[in-house]
N, C-alpha and C. Protein backbone atom coordinates (compact mmCIF):
# COMPACT_ATOMS: atom_id res chain seq x y z
N UNK A 1 0.85 -1.20 0.00
CA UNK A 1 0.00 0.00 0.00
C UNK A 1 0.88 1.25 0.00
N UNK A 2 0.38 2.29 -0.63
CA UNK A 2 1.15 3.51 -0.78
C UNK A 2 0.45 4.65 -0.07
N UNK A 3 1.24 5.52 0.55
CA UNK A 3 0.66 6.72 1.17
C UNK A 3 0.07 7.63 0.11
N UNK A 4 -1.12 8.12 0.34
CA UNK A 4 -1.80 8.98 -0.63
C UNK A 4 -2.09 10.32 0.01
N UNK A 5 -1.85 11.40 -0.71
CA UNK A 5 -2.29 12.70 -0.18
C UNK A 5 -3.81 12.72 -0.10
N UNK A 6 -4.34 13.12 1.05
CA UNK A 6 -5.79 13.05 1.30
C UNK A 6 -6.58 13.80 0.22
N UNK A 7 -6.07 14.94 -0.24
CA UNK A 7 -6.83 15.77 -1.19
C UNK A 7 -7.03 15.09 -2.53
N UNK A 8 -6.13 14.20 -2.93
CA UNK A 8 -6.24 13.57 -4.24
C UNK A 8 -6.80 12.16 -4.17
N UNK A 9 -7.07 11.67 -2.95
CA UNK A 9 -7.51 10.30 -2.78
C UNK A 9 -9.03 10.19 -2.86
N UNK A 10 -9.48 9.07 -3.41
CA UNK A 10 -10.91 8.78 -3.47
C UNK A 10 -11.29 7.92 -2.28
N UNK A 11 -12.20 8.37 -1.42
CA UNK A 11 -12.65 7.52 -0.32
C UNK A 11 -13.49 6.36 -0.85
N UNK A 12 -13.30 5.19 -0.25
CA UNK A 12 -13.97 3.98 -0.73
C UNK A 12 -14.99 3.46 0.28
N UNK A 13 -16.04 2.86 -0.25
CA UNK A 13 -17.08 2.23 0.57
C UNK A 13 -17.20 0.79 0.06
N UNK A 14 -16.47 -0.16 0.63
CA UNK A 14 -16.57 -1.55 0.18
C UNK A 14 -17.91 -2.16 0.60
N UNK A 15 -18.57 -2.82 -0.34
CA UNK A 15 -19.89 -3.39 -0.10
C UNK A 15 -19.97 -4.80 -0.68
N UNK A 16 -20.91 -5.56 -0.18
CA UNK A 16 -21.15 -6.88 -0.75
C UNK A 16 -22.17 -6.77 -1.89
N UNK A 17 -21.88 -5.83 -2.78
CA UNK A 17 -22.71 -5.62 -3.96
C UNK A 17 -21.86 -4.88 -4.98
N UNK A 18 -22.37 -4.83 -6.21
CA UNK A 18 -21.68 -4.15 -7.32
C UNK A 18 -22.54 -2.98 -7.78
N UNK A 19 -21.94 -1.80 -7.83
CA UNK A 19 -22.63 -0.62 -8.33
C UNK A 19 -22.28 -0.43 -9.80
N UNK A 20 -23.30 -0.24 -10.63
CA UNK A 20 -23.13 0.00 -12.06
C UNK A 20 -23.36 1.47 -12.38
N UNK A 21 -22.72 1.97 -13.43
CA UNK A 21 -23.04 3.33 -13.88
C UNK A 21 -24.54 3.46 -14.16
N UNK A 22 -25.11 4.53 -13.65
CA UNK A 22 -26.55 4.74 -13.82
C UNK A 22 -27.40 4.00 -12.81
N UNK A 23 -26.77 3.24 -11.94
CA UNK A 23 -27.51 2.43 -10.98
C UNK A 23 -27.93 3.22 -9.75
N UNK A 24 -28.89 2.67 -9.04
CA UNK A 24 -29.39 3.25 -7.79
C UNK A 24 -28.87 2.43 -6.62
N UNK A 25 -28.25 3.11 -5.67
CA UNK A 25 -27.72 2.45 -4.48
C UNK A 25 -28.35 3.08 -3.25
N UNK A 26 -28.97 2.25 -2.41
CA UNK A 26 -29.54 2.71 -1.15
C UNK A 26 -28.71 2.13 -0.01
N UNK A 27 -28.32 2.99 0.92
CA UNK A 27 -27.47 2.57 2.03
C UNK A 27 -28.05 3.02 3.36
N UNK A 28 -27.85 2.18 4.37
CA UNK A 28 -28.13 2.55 5.75
C UNK A 28 -26.77 2.72 6.42
N UNK A 29 -26.41 3.95 6.74
CA UNK A 29 -25.06 4.25 7.22
C UNK A 29 -25.09 4.51 8.72
N UNK A 30 -24.25 3.78 9.46
CA UNK A 30 -24.21 3.98 10.92
C UNK A 30 -22.81 3.92 11.49
N UNK A 31 -21.82 3.39 10.75
CA UNK A 31 -20.45 3.39 11.25
C UNK A 31 -19.89 4.80 11.19
N UNK A 32 -19.10 5.15 12.21
CA UNK A 32 -18.58 6.52 12.30
C UNK A 32 -17.79 6.93 11.07
N UNK A 33 -16.97 6.01 10.54
CA UNK A 33 -16.14 6.36 9.39
C UNK A 33 -16.98 6.72 8.17
N UNK A 34 -18.13 6.05 8.01
CA UNK A 34 -18.97 6.32 6.86
C UNK A 34 -19.93 7.48 7.10
N UNK A 35 -20.32 7.68 8.35
CA UNK A 35 -21.09 8.89 8.67
C UNK A 35 -20.26 10.13 8.35
N UNK A 36 -18.98 10.08 8.73
CA UNK A 36 -18.08 11.20 8.42
C UNK A 36 -17.90 11.34 6.92
N UNK A 37 -17.77 10.20 6.23
CA UNK A 37 -17.60 10.23 4.77
C UNK A 37 -18.79 10.89 4.09
N UNK A 38 -20.01 10.48 4.46
CA UNK A 38 -21.20 11.06 3.84
C UNK A 38 -21.29 12.55 4.13
N UNK A 39 -21.00 12.92 5.37
CA UNK A 39 -21.04 14.35 5.72
C UNK A 39 -20.05 15.15 4.90
N UNK A 40 -18.85 14.63 4.71
CA UNK A 40 -17.83 15.31 3.93
C UNK A 40 -18.23 15.41 2.46
N UNK A 41 -18.79 14.32 1.92
CA UNK A 41 -19.22 14.32 0.51
C UNK A 41 -20.37 15.31 0.30
N UNK A 42 -21.27 15.41 1.29
CA UNK A 42 -22.34 16.40 1.20
C UNK A 42 -21.78 17.82 1.21
N UNK A 43 -20.81 18.04 2.08
CA UNK A 43 -20.24 19.38 2.23
C UNK A 43 -19.48 19.82 0.98
N UNK A 44 -18.72 18.88 0.40
CA UNK A 44 -17.86 19.22 -0.73
C UNK A 44 -18.50 18.92 -2.08
N UNK A 45 -19.69 18.29 -2.07
CA UNK A 45 -20.36 17.90 -3.31
C UNK A 45 -19.48 16.97 -4.15
N UNK A 46 -18.78 16.08 -3.46
CA UNK A 46 -17.92 15.12 -4.15
C UNK A 46 -18.47 13.71 -3.97
N UNK A 47 -18.22 12.82 -4.93
CA UNK A 47 -18.68 11.43 -4.80
C UNK A 47 -17.68 10.60 -4.00
N UNK A 48 -18.05 9.37 -3.71
CA UNK A 48 -17.13 8.39 -3.14
C UNK A 48 -17.13 7.16 -4.04
N UNK A 49 -16.22 6.26 -3.79
CA UNK A 49 -16.12 5.07 -4.63
C UNK A 49 -16.72 3.85 -3.96
N UNK A 50 -17.46 3.08 -4.73
CA UNK A 50 -18.01 1.81 -4.24
C UNK A 50 -17.25 0.66 -4.90
N UNK A 51 -16.76 -0.25 -4.07
CA UNK A 51 -16.06 -1.43 -4.56
C UNK A 51 -16.67 -2.66 -3.91
N UNK A 52 -16.70 -3.76 -4.66
CA UNK A 52 -17.28 -5.01 -4.15
C UNK A 52 -16.25 -5.76 -3.32
N UNK A 53 -16.70 -6.24 -2.17
CA UNK A 53 -15.84 -7.02 -1.29
C UNK A 53 -15.59 -8.42 -1.84
N UNK A 54 -14.34 -8.85 -1.76
CA UNK A 54 -13.99 -10.24 -2.06
C UNK A 54 -13.72 -11.02 -0.78
N UNK A 55 -13.35 -10.30 0.27
CA UNK A 55 -13.09 -10.90 1.58
C UNK A 55 -13.42 -9.88 2.65
N UNK A 56 -14.01 -10.37 3.75
CA UNK A 56 -14.35 -9.48 4.85
C UNK A 56 -15.79 -9.03 4.81
N UNK A 57 -16.19 -8.28 5.83
CA UNK A 57 -17.56 -7.83 5.99
C UNK A 57 -17.68 -6.33 5.79
N UNK A 58 -18.90 -5.87 5.55
CA UNK A 58 -19.13 -4.44 5.38
C UNK A 58 -18.89 -3.69 6.69
N UNK A 59 -19.29 -4.29 7.81
CA UNK A 59 -19.08 -3.67 9.12
C UNK A 59 -17.71 -4.07 9.64
N UNK A 60 -16.96 -3.09 10.09
CA UNK A 60 -15.57 -3.32 10.51
C UNK A 60 -15.50 -4.26 11.70
N UNK A 61 -14.59 -5.25 11.61
CA UNK A 61 -14.34 -6.16 12.71
C UNK A 61 -12.83 -6.16 12.97
N UNK A 62 -12.47 -5.95 14.20
CA UNK A 62 -11.07 -5.81 14.58
C UNK A 62 -10.28 -7.04 14.16
N UNK A 63 -9.19 -6.80 13.42
CA UNK A 63 -8.30 -7.89 13.03
C UNK A 63 -8.73 -8.67 11.81
N UNK A 64 -9.92 -8.38 11.26
CA UNK A 64 -10.41 -9.12 10.09
C UNK A 64 -9.77 -8.58 8.82
N UNK A 65 -9.28 -9.51 7.99
CA UNK A 65 -8.69 -9.12 6.71
C UNK A 65 -9.79 -8.70 5.74
N UNK A 66 -9.52 -7.65 4.99
CA UNK A 66 -10.48 -7.14 4.00
C UNK A 66 -9.80 -7.08 2.63
N UNK A 67 -10.48 -7.56 1.62
CA UNK A 67 -10.00 -7.45 0.25
C UNK A 67 -11.17 -7.06 -0.63
N UNK A 68 -10.92 -6.18 -1.59
CA UNK A 68 -12.00 -5.77 -2.49
C UNK A 68 -11.51 -5.71 -3.92
N UNK A 69 -12.47 -5.64 -4.83
CA UNK A 69 -12.16 -5.65 -6.26
C UNK A 69 -11.38 -4.40 -6.66
N UNK A 70 -10.62 -4.53 -7.75
CA UNK A 70 -9.79 -3.42 -8.22
C UNK A 70 -10.57 -2.42 -9.06
N UNK A 71 -11.74 -2.82 -9.56
CA UNK A 71 -12.57 -1.92 -10.37
C UNK A 71 -13.85 -1.61 -9.61
N UNK A 72 -14.15 -0.33 -9.51
CA UNK A 72 -15.36 0.10 -8.82
C UNK A 72 -16.07 1.19 -9.59
N UNK A 73 -17.04 1.82 -8.92
CA UNK A 73 -17.88 2.83 -9.57
C UNK A 73 -18.12 3.98 -8.59
N UNK A 74 -18.06 5.19 -9.10
CA UNK A 74 -18.36 6.36 -8.27
C UNK A 74 -19.83 6.35 -7.86
N UNK A 75 -20.08 6.82 -6.66
CA UNK A 75 -21.45 6.98 -6.15
C UNK A 75 -21.68 8.46 -5.85
N UNK A 76 -22.65 9.06 -6.52
CA UNK A 76 -23.00 10.47 -6.30
C UNK A 76 -24.23 10.53 -5.40
N UNK A 77 -24.15 11.31 -4.34
CA UNK A 77 -25.26 11.42 -3.40
C UNK A 77 -26.47 12.08 -4.07
N UNK A 78 -27.62 11.45 -3.91
CA UNK A 78 -28.88 12.01 -4.40
C UNK A 78 -29.71 12.54 -3.24
N UNK A 79 -29.72 11.75 -2.16
CA UNK A 79 -30.61 12.06 -1.04
C UNK A 79 -30.01 11.50 0.25
N UNK A 80 -30.05 12.29 1.29
CA UNK A 80 -29.56 11.84 2.61
C UNK A 80 -30.61 12.23 3.64
N UNK A 81 -31.11 11.23 4.37
CA UNK A 81 -32.10 11.46 5.43
C UNK A 81 -31.58 10.93 6.75
N UNK A 82 -31.88 11.64 7.82
CA UNK A 82 -31.51 11.20 9.16
C UNK A 82 -32.78 11.03 9.98
N UNK A 83 -33.31 9.79 9.98
CA UNK A 83 -34.57 9.54 10.69
C UNK A 83 -34.34 9.31 12.17
N UNK A 84 -33.13 8.91 12.54
CA UNK A 84 -32.81 8.75 13.96
C UNK A 84 -31.33 9.07 14.16
N UNK A 85 -30.98 9.44 15.36
CA UNK A 85 -29.62 9.87 15.66
C UNK A 85 -28.61 8.77 15.34
N UNK A 86 -27.55 9.15 14.63
CA UNK A 86 -26.47 8.21 14.34
C UNK A 86 -26.71 7.29 13.18
N UNK A 87 -27.82 7.47 12.47
CA UNK A 87 -28.11 6.62 11.31
C UNK A 87 -28.55 7.50 10.15
N UNK A 88 -27.94 7.29 8.98
CA UNK A 88 -28.32 8.01 7.77
C UNK A 88 -28.86 7.04 6.73
N UNK A 89 -29.97 7.40 6.11
CA UNK A 89 -30.49 6.68 4.96
C UNK A 89 -30.04 7.45 3.72
N UNK A 90 -29.27 6.78 2.88
CA UNK A 90 -28.61 7.44 1.76
C UNK A 90 -29.01 6.79 0.45
N UNK A 91 -29.28 7.62 -0.56
CA UNK A 91 -29.53 7.14 -1.92
C UNK A 91 -28.48 7.77 -2.83
N UNK A 92 -27.88 6.93 -3.68
CA UNK A 92 -26.80 7.37 -4.55
C UNK A 92 -27.06 6.92 -5.99
N UNK A 93 -26.40 7.62 -6.90
CA UNK A 93 -26.43 7.26 -8.32
C UNK A 93 -25.03 6.84 -8.75
N UNK A 94 -24.91 5.69 -9.40
CA UNK A 94 -23.63 5.26 -9.93
C UNK A 94 -23.24 6.12 -11.13
N UNK A 95 -21.96 6.47 -11.21
CA UNK A 95 -21.53 7.29 -12.36
C UNK A 95 -20.33 6.63 -13.05
N UNK A 96 -19.13 7.17 -12.86
CA UNK A 96 -17.99 6.70 -13.63
C UNK A 96 -17.28 5.54 -12.95
N UNK A 97 -16.82 4.60 -13.78
CA UNK A 97 -16.03 3.49 -13.26
C UNK A 97 -14.57 3.92 -13.09
N UNK A 98 -13.88 3.19 -12.23
CA UNK A 98 -12.46 3.48 -11.99
C UNK A 98 -11.72 2.19 -11.70
N UNK A 99 -10.40 2.24 -11.87
CA UNK A 99 -9.53 1.12 -11.51
C UNK A 99 -8.55 1.61 -10.44
N UNK A 100 -8.45 0.87 -9.35
CA UNK A 100 -7.60 1.27 -8.24
C UNK A 100 -6.13 1.06 -8.59
N UNK A 101 -5.34 2.11 -8.38
CA UNK A 101 -3.90 2.02 -8.59
C UNK A 101 -3.17 1.74 -7.28
N UNK A 102 -3.62 2.34 -6.18
CA UNK A 102 -3.00 2.13 -4.87
C UNK A 102 -4.00 2.52 -3.79
N UNK A 103 -3.79 1.98 -2.59
CA UNK A 103 -4.71 2.25 -1.48
C UNK A 103 -3.95 2.44 -0.18
N UNK A 104 -4.64 3.06 0.76
CA UNK A 104 -4.19 3.06 2.14
C UNK A 104 -5.43 3.13 3.02
N UNK A 105 -5.27 2.75 4.29
CA UNK A 105 -6.38 2.78 5.23
C UNK A 105 -6.07 3.74 6.36
N UNK A 106 -7.01 4.65 6.63
CA UNK A 106 -6.83 5.60 7.72
C UNK A 106 -7.01 4.89 9.07
N UNK A 107 -6.62 5.59 10.11
CA UNK A 107 -6.74 5.03 11.45
C UNK A 107 -8.18 4.72 11.83
N UNK A 108 -9.13 5.48 11.25
CA UNK A 108 -10.54 5.23 11.56
C UNK A 108 -11.13 4.09 10.73
N UNK A 109 -10.30 3.48 9.86
CA UNK A 109 -10.77 2.35 9.07
C UNK A 109 -11.19 2.68 7.66
N UNK A 110 -11.29 3.97 7.32
CA UNK A 110 -11.72 4.35 5.97
C UNK A 110 -10.60 4.09 4.98
N UNK A 111 -10.97 3.45 3.87
CA UNK A 111 -10.01 3.19 2.79
C UNK A 111 -9.99 4.38 1.83
N UNK A 112 -8.78 4.72 1.38
CA UNK A 112 -8.57 5.77 0.38
C UNK A 112 -7.81 5.16 -0.79
N UNK A 113 -8.12 5.61 -2.00
CA UNK A 113 -7.48 5.04 -3.19
C UNK A 113 -7.07 6.12 -4.18
N UNK A 114 -5.97 5.84 -4.83
CA UNK A 114 -5.60 6.59 -6.03
C UNK A 114 -6.14 5.77 -7.19
N UNK A 115 -6.83 6.39 -8.12
CA UNK A 115 -7.53 5.62 -9.15
C UNK A 115 -7.23 6.15 -10.55
N UNK A 116 -7.41 5.27 -11.52
CA UNK A 116 -7.41 5.63 -12.94
C UNK A 116 -8.85 5.51 -13.43
N UNK A 117 -9.28 6.48 -14.20
CA UNK A 117 -10.67 6.50 -14.65
C UNK A 117 -10.87 5.64 -15.88
N UNK A 118 -12.02 4.98 -15.94
CA UNK A 118 -12.40 4.14 -17.08
C UNK A 118 -13.43 4.90 -17.89
N UNK A 119 -13.23 4.93 -19.20
CA UNK A 119 -14.15 5.66 -20.07
C UNK A 119 -15.57 5.11 -19.93
N UNK A 120 -16.53 6.01 -20.01
CA UNK A 120 -17.93 5.61 -19.97
C UNK A 120 -18.28 4.77 -21.20
N UNK A 121 -19.28 3.92 -21.05
CA UNK A 121 -19.77 3.16 -22.21
C UNK A 121 -20.14 4.11 -23.34
N UNK A 122 -19.80 3.73 -24.54
CA UNK A 122 -20.30 4.47 -25.70
C UNK A 122 -21.80 4.23 -25.80
N UNK A 123 -22.55 5.29 -26.00
CA UNK A 123 -24.01 5.15 -26.13
C UNK A 123 -24.33 4.59 -27.50
N UNK A 124 -24.64 3.31 -27.55
CA UNK A 124 -24.95 2.64 -28.82
C UNK A 124 -26.30 1.96 -28.72
N UNK A 125 -26.98 1.93 -29.85
CA UNK A 125 -28.26 1.23 -29.91
C UNK A 125 -28.05 -0.26 -29.72
N UNK A 126 -28.95 -0.94 -29.01
CA UNK A 126 -28.84 -2.40 -28.94
C UNK A 126 -29.02 -2.99 -30.33
N UNK A 127 -28.21 -3.96 -30.67
CA UNK A 127 -28.35 -4.59 -31.99
C UNK A 127 -29.71 -5.30 -32.06
N UNK A 128 -30.14 -5.58 -33.27
CA UNK A 128 -31.47 -6.18 -33.48
C UNK A 128 -31.61 -7.49 -32.72
N UNK A 129 -30.49 -8.21 -32.56
CA UNK A 129 -30.53 -9.50 -31.88
C UNK A 129 -30.94 -9.37 -30.41
N UNK A 130 -30.76 -8.17 -29.84
CA UNK A 130 -30.99 -8.00 -28.41
C UNK A 130 -32.23 -7.18 -28.10
N UNK A 131 -33.06 -6.95 -29.09
CA UNK A 131 -34.27 -6.15 -28.86
C UNK A 131 -35.23 -6.86 -27.91
N UNK A 132 -35.21 -8.20 -27.93
CA UNK A 132 -36.07 -8.95 -27.00
C UNK A 132 -35.68 -8.66 -25.55
N UNK A 133 -34.38 -8.50 -25.31
CA UNK A 133 -33.91 -8.19 -23.95
C UNK A 133 -34.39 -6.82 -23.51
N UNK A 134 -34.37 -5.87 -24.46
CA UNK A 134 -34.85 -4.52 -24.15
C UNK A 134 -36.34 -4.54 -23.82
N UNK A 135 -37.12 -5.27 -24.62
CA UNK A 135 -38.56 -5.34 -24.39
C UNK A 135 -38.86 -6.07 -23.07
N UNK A 136 -38.10 -7.11 -22.78
CA UNK A 136 -38.31 -7.85 -21.53
C UNK A 136 -38.00 -6.97 -20.33
N UNK A 137 -37.00 -6.10 -20.45
CA UNK A 137 -36.69 -5.19 -19.34
C UNK A 137 -37.82 -4.19 -19.14
N UNK A 138 -38.38 -3.70 -20.24
CA UNK A 138 -39.53 -2.79 -20.15
C UNK A 138 -40.69 -3.47 -19.42
N UNK A 139 -40.93 -4.73 -19.77
CA UNK A 139 -42.00 -5.50 -19.11
C UNK A 139 -41.70 -5.69 -17.63
N UNK A 140 -40.42 -5.98 -17.32
CA UNK A 140 -40.03 -6.19 -15.93
C UNK A 140 -40.22 -4.91 -15.11
N UNK A 141 -39.92 -3.77 -15.71
CA UNK A 141 -40.08 -2.50 -15.01
C UNK A 141 -41.55 -2.25 -14.70
N UNK A 142 -42.43 -2.58 -15.64
CA UNK A 142 -43.87 -2.41 -15.39
C UNK A 142 -44.32 -3.28 -14.22
N UNK A 143 -43.81 -4.52 -14.15
CA UNK A 143 -44.17 -5.42 -13.05
C UNK A 143 -43.61 -4.90 -11.72
N UNK A 144 -42.35 -4.46 -11.75
CA UNK A 144 -41.72 -3.96 -10.53
C UNK A 144 -42.43 -2.71 -10.01
N UNK A 145 -42.90 -1.87 -10.92
CA UNK A 145 -43.57 -0.64 -10.53
C UNK A 145 -44.85 -0.95 -9.74
N UNK A 146 -45.49 -2.05 -10.07
CA UNK A 146 -46.72 -2.42 -9.38
C UNK A 146 -46.45 -2.94 -7.96
N UNK A 147 -45.21 -3.37 -7.71
CA UNK A 147 -44.89 -3.97 -6.42
C UNK A 147 -44.36 -2.96 -5.41
N UNK A 148 -43.96 -1.79 -5.89
CA UNK A 148 -43.41 -0.79 -4.96
C UNK A 148 -42.41 0.10 -5.65
N UNK A 149 -41.55 0.75 -4.87
CA UNK A 149 -40.55 1.65 -5.45
C UNK A 149 -39.63 0.92 -6.43
N UNK A 150 -39.36 1.54 -7.55
CA UNK A 150 -38.50 0.93 -8.55
C UNK A 150 -37.05 0.92 -8.09
N UNK A 151 -36.30 -0.15 -8.45
CA UNK A 151 -34.88 -0.18 -8.11
C UNK A 151 -34.02 0.57 -9.13
N UNK A 152 -34.68 1.28 -10.06
CA UNK A 152 -33.96 1.99 -11.12
C UNK A 152 -34.27 3.49 -11.06
N UNK A 153 -33.32 4.26 -11.54
CA UNK A 153 -33.50 5.71 -11.66
C UNK A 153 -34.02 6.05 -13.05
N UNK A 154 -34.89 7.03 -13.12
CA UNK A 154 -35.33 7.54 -14.41
C UNK A 154 -34.44 8.72 -14.81
N UNK A 155 -34.35 9.06 -16.10
CA UNK A 155 -35.11 8.50 -17.21
C UNK A 155 -34.56 7.14 -17.66
N UNK A 156 -35.44 6.33 -18.22
CA UNK A 156 -35.05 5.05 -18.77
C UNK A 156 -34.45 5.27 -20.16
N UNK A 157 -33.46 4.43 -20.51
CA UNK A 157 -32.75 4.63 -21.77
C UNK A 157 -32.71 3.32 -22.55
N UNK A 158 -33.86 2.99 -23.10
CA UNK A 158 -33.97 1.73 -23.84
C UNK A 158 -33.26 1.78 -25.19
N UNK A 159 -32.78 2.96 -25.57
CA UNK A 159 -32.03 3.08 -26.82
C UNK A 159 -30.53 2.90 -26.58
N UNK A 160 -30.15 2.55 -25.36
CA UNK A 160 -28.74 2.47 -24.96
C UNK A 160 -28.42 1.04 -24.51
N UNK A 161 -27.59 0.35 -25.27
CA UNK A 161 -27.28 -1.06 -24.98
C UNK A 161 -26.66 -1.23 -23.60
N UNK A 162 -25.75 -0.33 -23.23
CA UNK A 162 -25.10 -0.44 -21.93
C UNK A 162 -26.07 -0.25 -20.78
N UNK A 163 -26.99 0.71 -20.93
CA UNK A 163 -27.98 0.96 -19.89
C UNK A 163 -28.86 -0.27 -19.70
N UNK A 164 -29.31 -0.86 -20.79
CA UNK A 164 -30.16 -2.06 -20.70
C UNK A 164 -29.42 -3.18 -19.99
N UNK A 165 -28.17 -3.42 -20.42
CA UNK A 165 -27.37 -4.49 -19.81
C UNK A 165 -27.17 -4.23 -18.32
N UNK A 166 -26.84 -3.00 -17.96
CA UNK A 166 -26.58 -2.67 -16.55
C UNK A 166 -27.79 -2.91 -15.67
N UNK A 167 -28.97 -2.52 -16.16
CA UNK A 167 -30.16 -2.67 -15.33
C UNK A 167 -30.49 -4.16 -15.15
N UNK A 168 -30.33 -4.96 -16.20
CA UNK A 168 -30.54 -6.40 -16.04
C UNK A 168 -29.55 -6.98 -15.04
N UNK A 169 -28.28 -6.57 -15.14
CA UNK A 169 -27.24 -7.10 -14.24
C UNK A 169 -27.59 -6.83 -12.77
N UNK A 170 -28.29 -5.74 -12.51
CA UNK A 170 -28.62 -5.37 -11.14
C UNK A 170 -29.71 -6.25 -10.54
N UNK A 171 -30.57 -6.82 -11.36
CA UNK A 171 -31.72 -7.55 -10.82
C UNK A 171 -31.69 -9.05 -11.08
N UNK A 172 -30.80 -9.51 -11.98
CA UNK A 172 -30.75 -10.94 -12.26
C UNK A 172 -30.07 -11.69 -11.11
N UNK A 173 -30.49 -12.93 -10.85
CA UNK A 173 -29.89 -13.73 -9.76
C UNK A 173 -28.57 -14.34 -10.20
N UNK A 174 -27.53 -13.53 -10.25
CA UNK A 174 -26.22 -14.01 -10.66
C UNK A 174 -25.22 -13.77 -9.53
N UNK A 175 -24.18 -14.59 -9.44
CA UNK A 175 -23.21 -14.43 -8.35
C UNK A 175 -22.52 -13.07 -8.39
N UNK A 176 -22.06 -12.64 -7.23
CA UNK A 176 -21.41 -11.34 -7.12
C UNK A 176 -20.20 -11.24 -8.05
N UNK A 177 -19.41 -12.31 -8.13
CA UNK A 177 -18.20 -12.29 -8.97
C UNK A 177 -18.57 -12.12 -10.44
N UNK A 178 -19.65 -12.77 -10.88
CA UNK A 178 -20.09 -12.64 -12.27
C UNK A 178 -20.61 -11.23 -12.53
N UNK A 179 -21.34 -10.68 -11.57
CA UNK A 179 -21.84 -9.31 -11.72
C UNK A 179 -20.68 -8.32 -11.83
N UNK A 180 -19.63 -8.57 -11.05
CA UNK A 180 -18.45 -7.71 -11.12
C UNK A 180 -17.80 -7.78 -12.50
N UNK A 181 -17.64 -8.99 -13.03
CA UNK A 181 -17.01 -9.14 -14.35
C UNK A 181 -17.82 -8.44 -15.43
N UNK A 182 -19.13 -8.51 -15.33
CA UNK A 182 -19.99 -7.83 -16.30
C UNK A 182 -19.82 -6.32 -16.21
N UNK A 183 -19.74 -5.80 -14.99
CA UNK A 183 -19.56 -4.36 -14.82
C UNK A 183 -18.24 -3.90 -15.43
N UNK A 184 -17.21 -4.74 -15.33
CA UNK A 184 -15.89 -4.36 -15.82
C UNK A 184 -15.78 -4.36 -17.34
N UNK A 185 -16.65 -5.09 -18.03
CA UNK A 185 -16.56 -5.18 -19.50
C UNK A 185 -16.67 -3.79 -20.12
N UNK A 186 -15.78 -3.50 -21.04
CA UNK A 186 -15.74 -2.17 -21.63
C UNK A 186 -16.60 -2.03 -22.88
N UNK A 187 -17.07 -3.14 -23.43
CA UNK A 187 -17.92 -3.11 -24.62
C UNK A 187 -19.37 -3.36 -24.19
N UNK A 188 -20.24 -2.35 -24.27
CA UNK A 188 -21.62 -2.54 -23.79
C UNK A 188 -22.39 -3.60 -24.58
N UNK A 189 -22.06 -3.75 -25.87
CA UNK A 189 -22.76 -4.77 -26.66
C UNK A 189 -22.38 -6.18 -26.19
N UNK A 190 -21.13 -6.37 -25.80
CA UNK A 190 -20.71 -7.67 -25.27
C UNK A 190 -21.42 -7.95 -23.95
N UNK A 191 -21.52 -6.92 -23.09
CA UNK A 191 -22.23 -7.08 -21.81
C UNK A 191 -23.68 -7.46 -22.06
N UNK A 192 -24.32 -6.77 -23.02
CA UNK A 192 -25.72 -7.07 -23.32
C UNK A 192 -25.87 -8.46 -23.95
N UNK A 193 -24.89 -8.85 -24.75
CA UNK A 193 -24.94 -10.19 -25.35
C UNK A 193 -24.93 -11.27 -24.28
N UNK A 194 -24.07 -11.12 -23.27
CA UNK A 194 -24.00 -12.10 -22.18
C UNK A 194 -25.30 -12.12 -21.37
N UNK A 195 -25.86 -10.94 -21.14
CA UNK A 195 -27.14 -10.86 -20.44
C UNK A 195 -28.23 -11.55 -21.27
N UNK A 196 -28.24 -11.28 -22.56
CA UNK A 196 -29.23 -11.88 -23.46
C UNK A 196 -29.14 -13.40 -23.43
N UNK A 197 -27.92 -13.93 -23.45
CA UNK A 197 -27.73 -15.38 -23.39
C UNK A 197 -28.27 -15.95 -22.08
N UNK A 198 -28.05 -15.25 -20.98
CA UNK A 198 -28.54 -15.70 -19.69
C UNK A 198 -30.08 -15.70 -19.68
N UNK A 199 -30.68 -14.63 -20.20
CA UNK A 199 -32.14 -14.54 -20.23
C UNK A 199 -32.75 -15.67 -21.05
N UNK A 200 -32.10 -16.00 -22.17
CA UNK A 200 -32.61 -17.09 -23.02
C UNK A 200 -32.41 -18.43 -22.34
N UNK A 201 -31.28 -18.60 -21.64
CA UNK A 201 -31.02 -19.89 -20.97
C UNK A 201 -32.02 -20.16 -19.86
N UNK A 202 -32.56 -19.08 -19.26
CA UNK A 202 -33.52 -19.23 -18.17
C UNK A 202 -34.98 -19.15 -18.67
N UNK A 203 -35.15 -19.02 -19.98
CA UNK A 203 -36.50 -18.96 -20.54
C UNK A 203 -37.22 -17.66 -20.29
N UNK A 204 -36.48 -16.62 -19.87
CA UNK A 204 -37.11 -15.32 -19.64
C UNK A 204 -37.51 -14.68 -20.95
N UNK A 205 -36.70 -14.92 -21.98
CA UNK A 205 -37.09 -14.56 -23.35
C UNK A 205 -36.90 -15.80 -24.21
N UNK A 206 -37.53 -15.81 -25.40
CA UNK A 206 -37.49 -16.99 -26.27
C UNK A 206 -36.10 -17.27 -26.79
N UNK A 207 -35.88 -18.50 -27.19
CA UNK A 207 -34.56 -18.90 -27.70
C UNK A 207 -34.21 -18.21 -29.01
N UNK A 208 -35.20 -17.82 -29.77
CA UNK A 208 -34.92 -17.08 -31.01
C UNK A 208 -34.31 -17.94 -32.09
């Protein structure tokens, strides 16, 4: 690990989940290090980084080893509510992906990283082969809307292959490691192709 100047370091929030660009993340924050992080991000209007845990727990345990993925996603604060003392309900939007170059951990347990930025997905139309996946997502959103608050942020972008793939990745029952690999893919059409294959294998859309 390398010492990082605090001003240039990205604070990290390791979670047992994967945040995708354009995704909605809801958090219940109660650890002191993360309460301070959210307060600082609110004050400075800066995002923090979300990385998926490979080892360890979200809540700090003395002496427990922690390891997280090298590629994560920025989280921009949308809404912060304090319904009771010492607990914040936070909603965030996923934005730009990054790759960790080096890290260090502060005395309070907060991880800081120096990162390299990953270009955003090119906004491309889904190919004709994947239009069934786009329509199935539209249908899924209608069903989810009837059950309660949507797990997605509007506006919806059904003309964007990467957006379609990302939203499916967030709700499909796939292992965390597979979800991480999909998030890391730099070609949105390849990501959507893999999602489409999964949907067909499970009979969610026709074999075509």
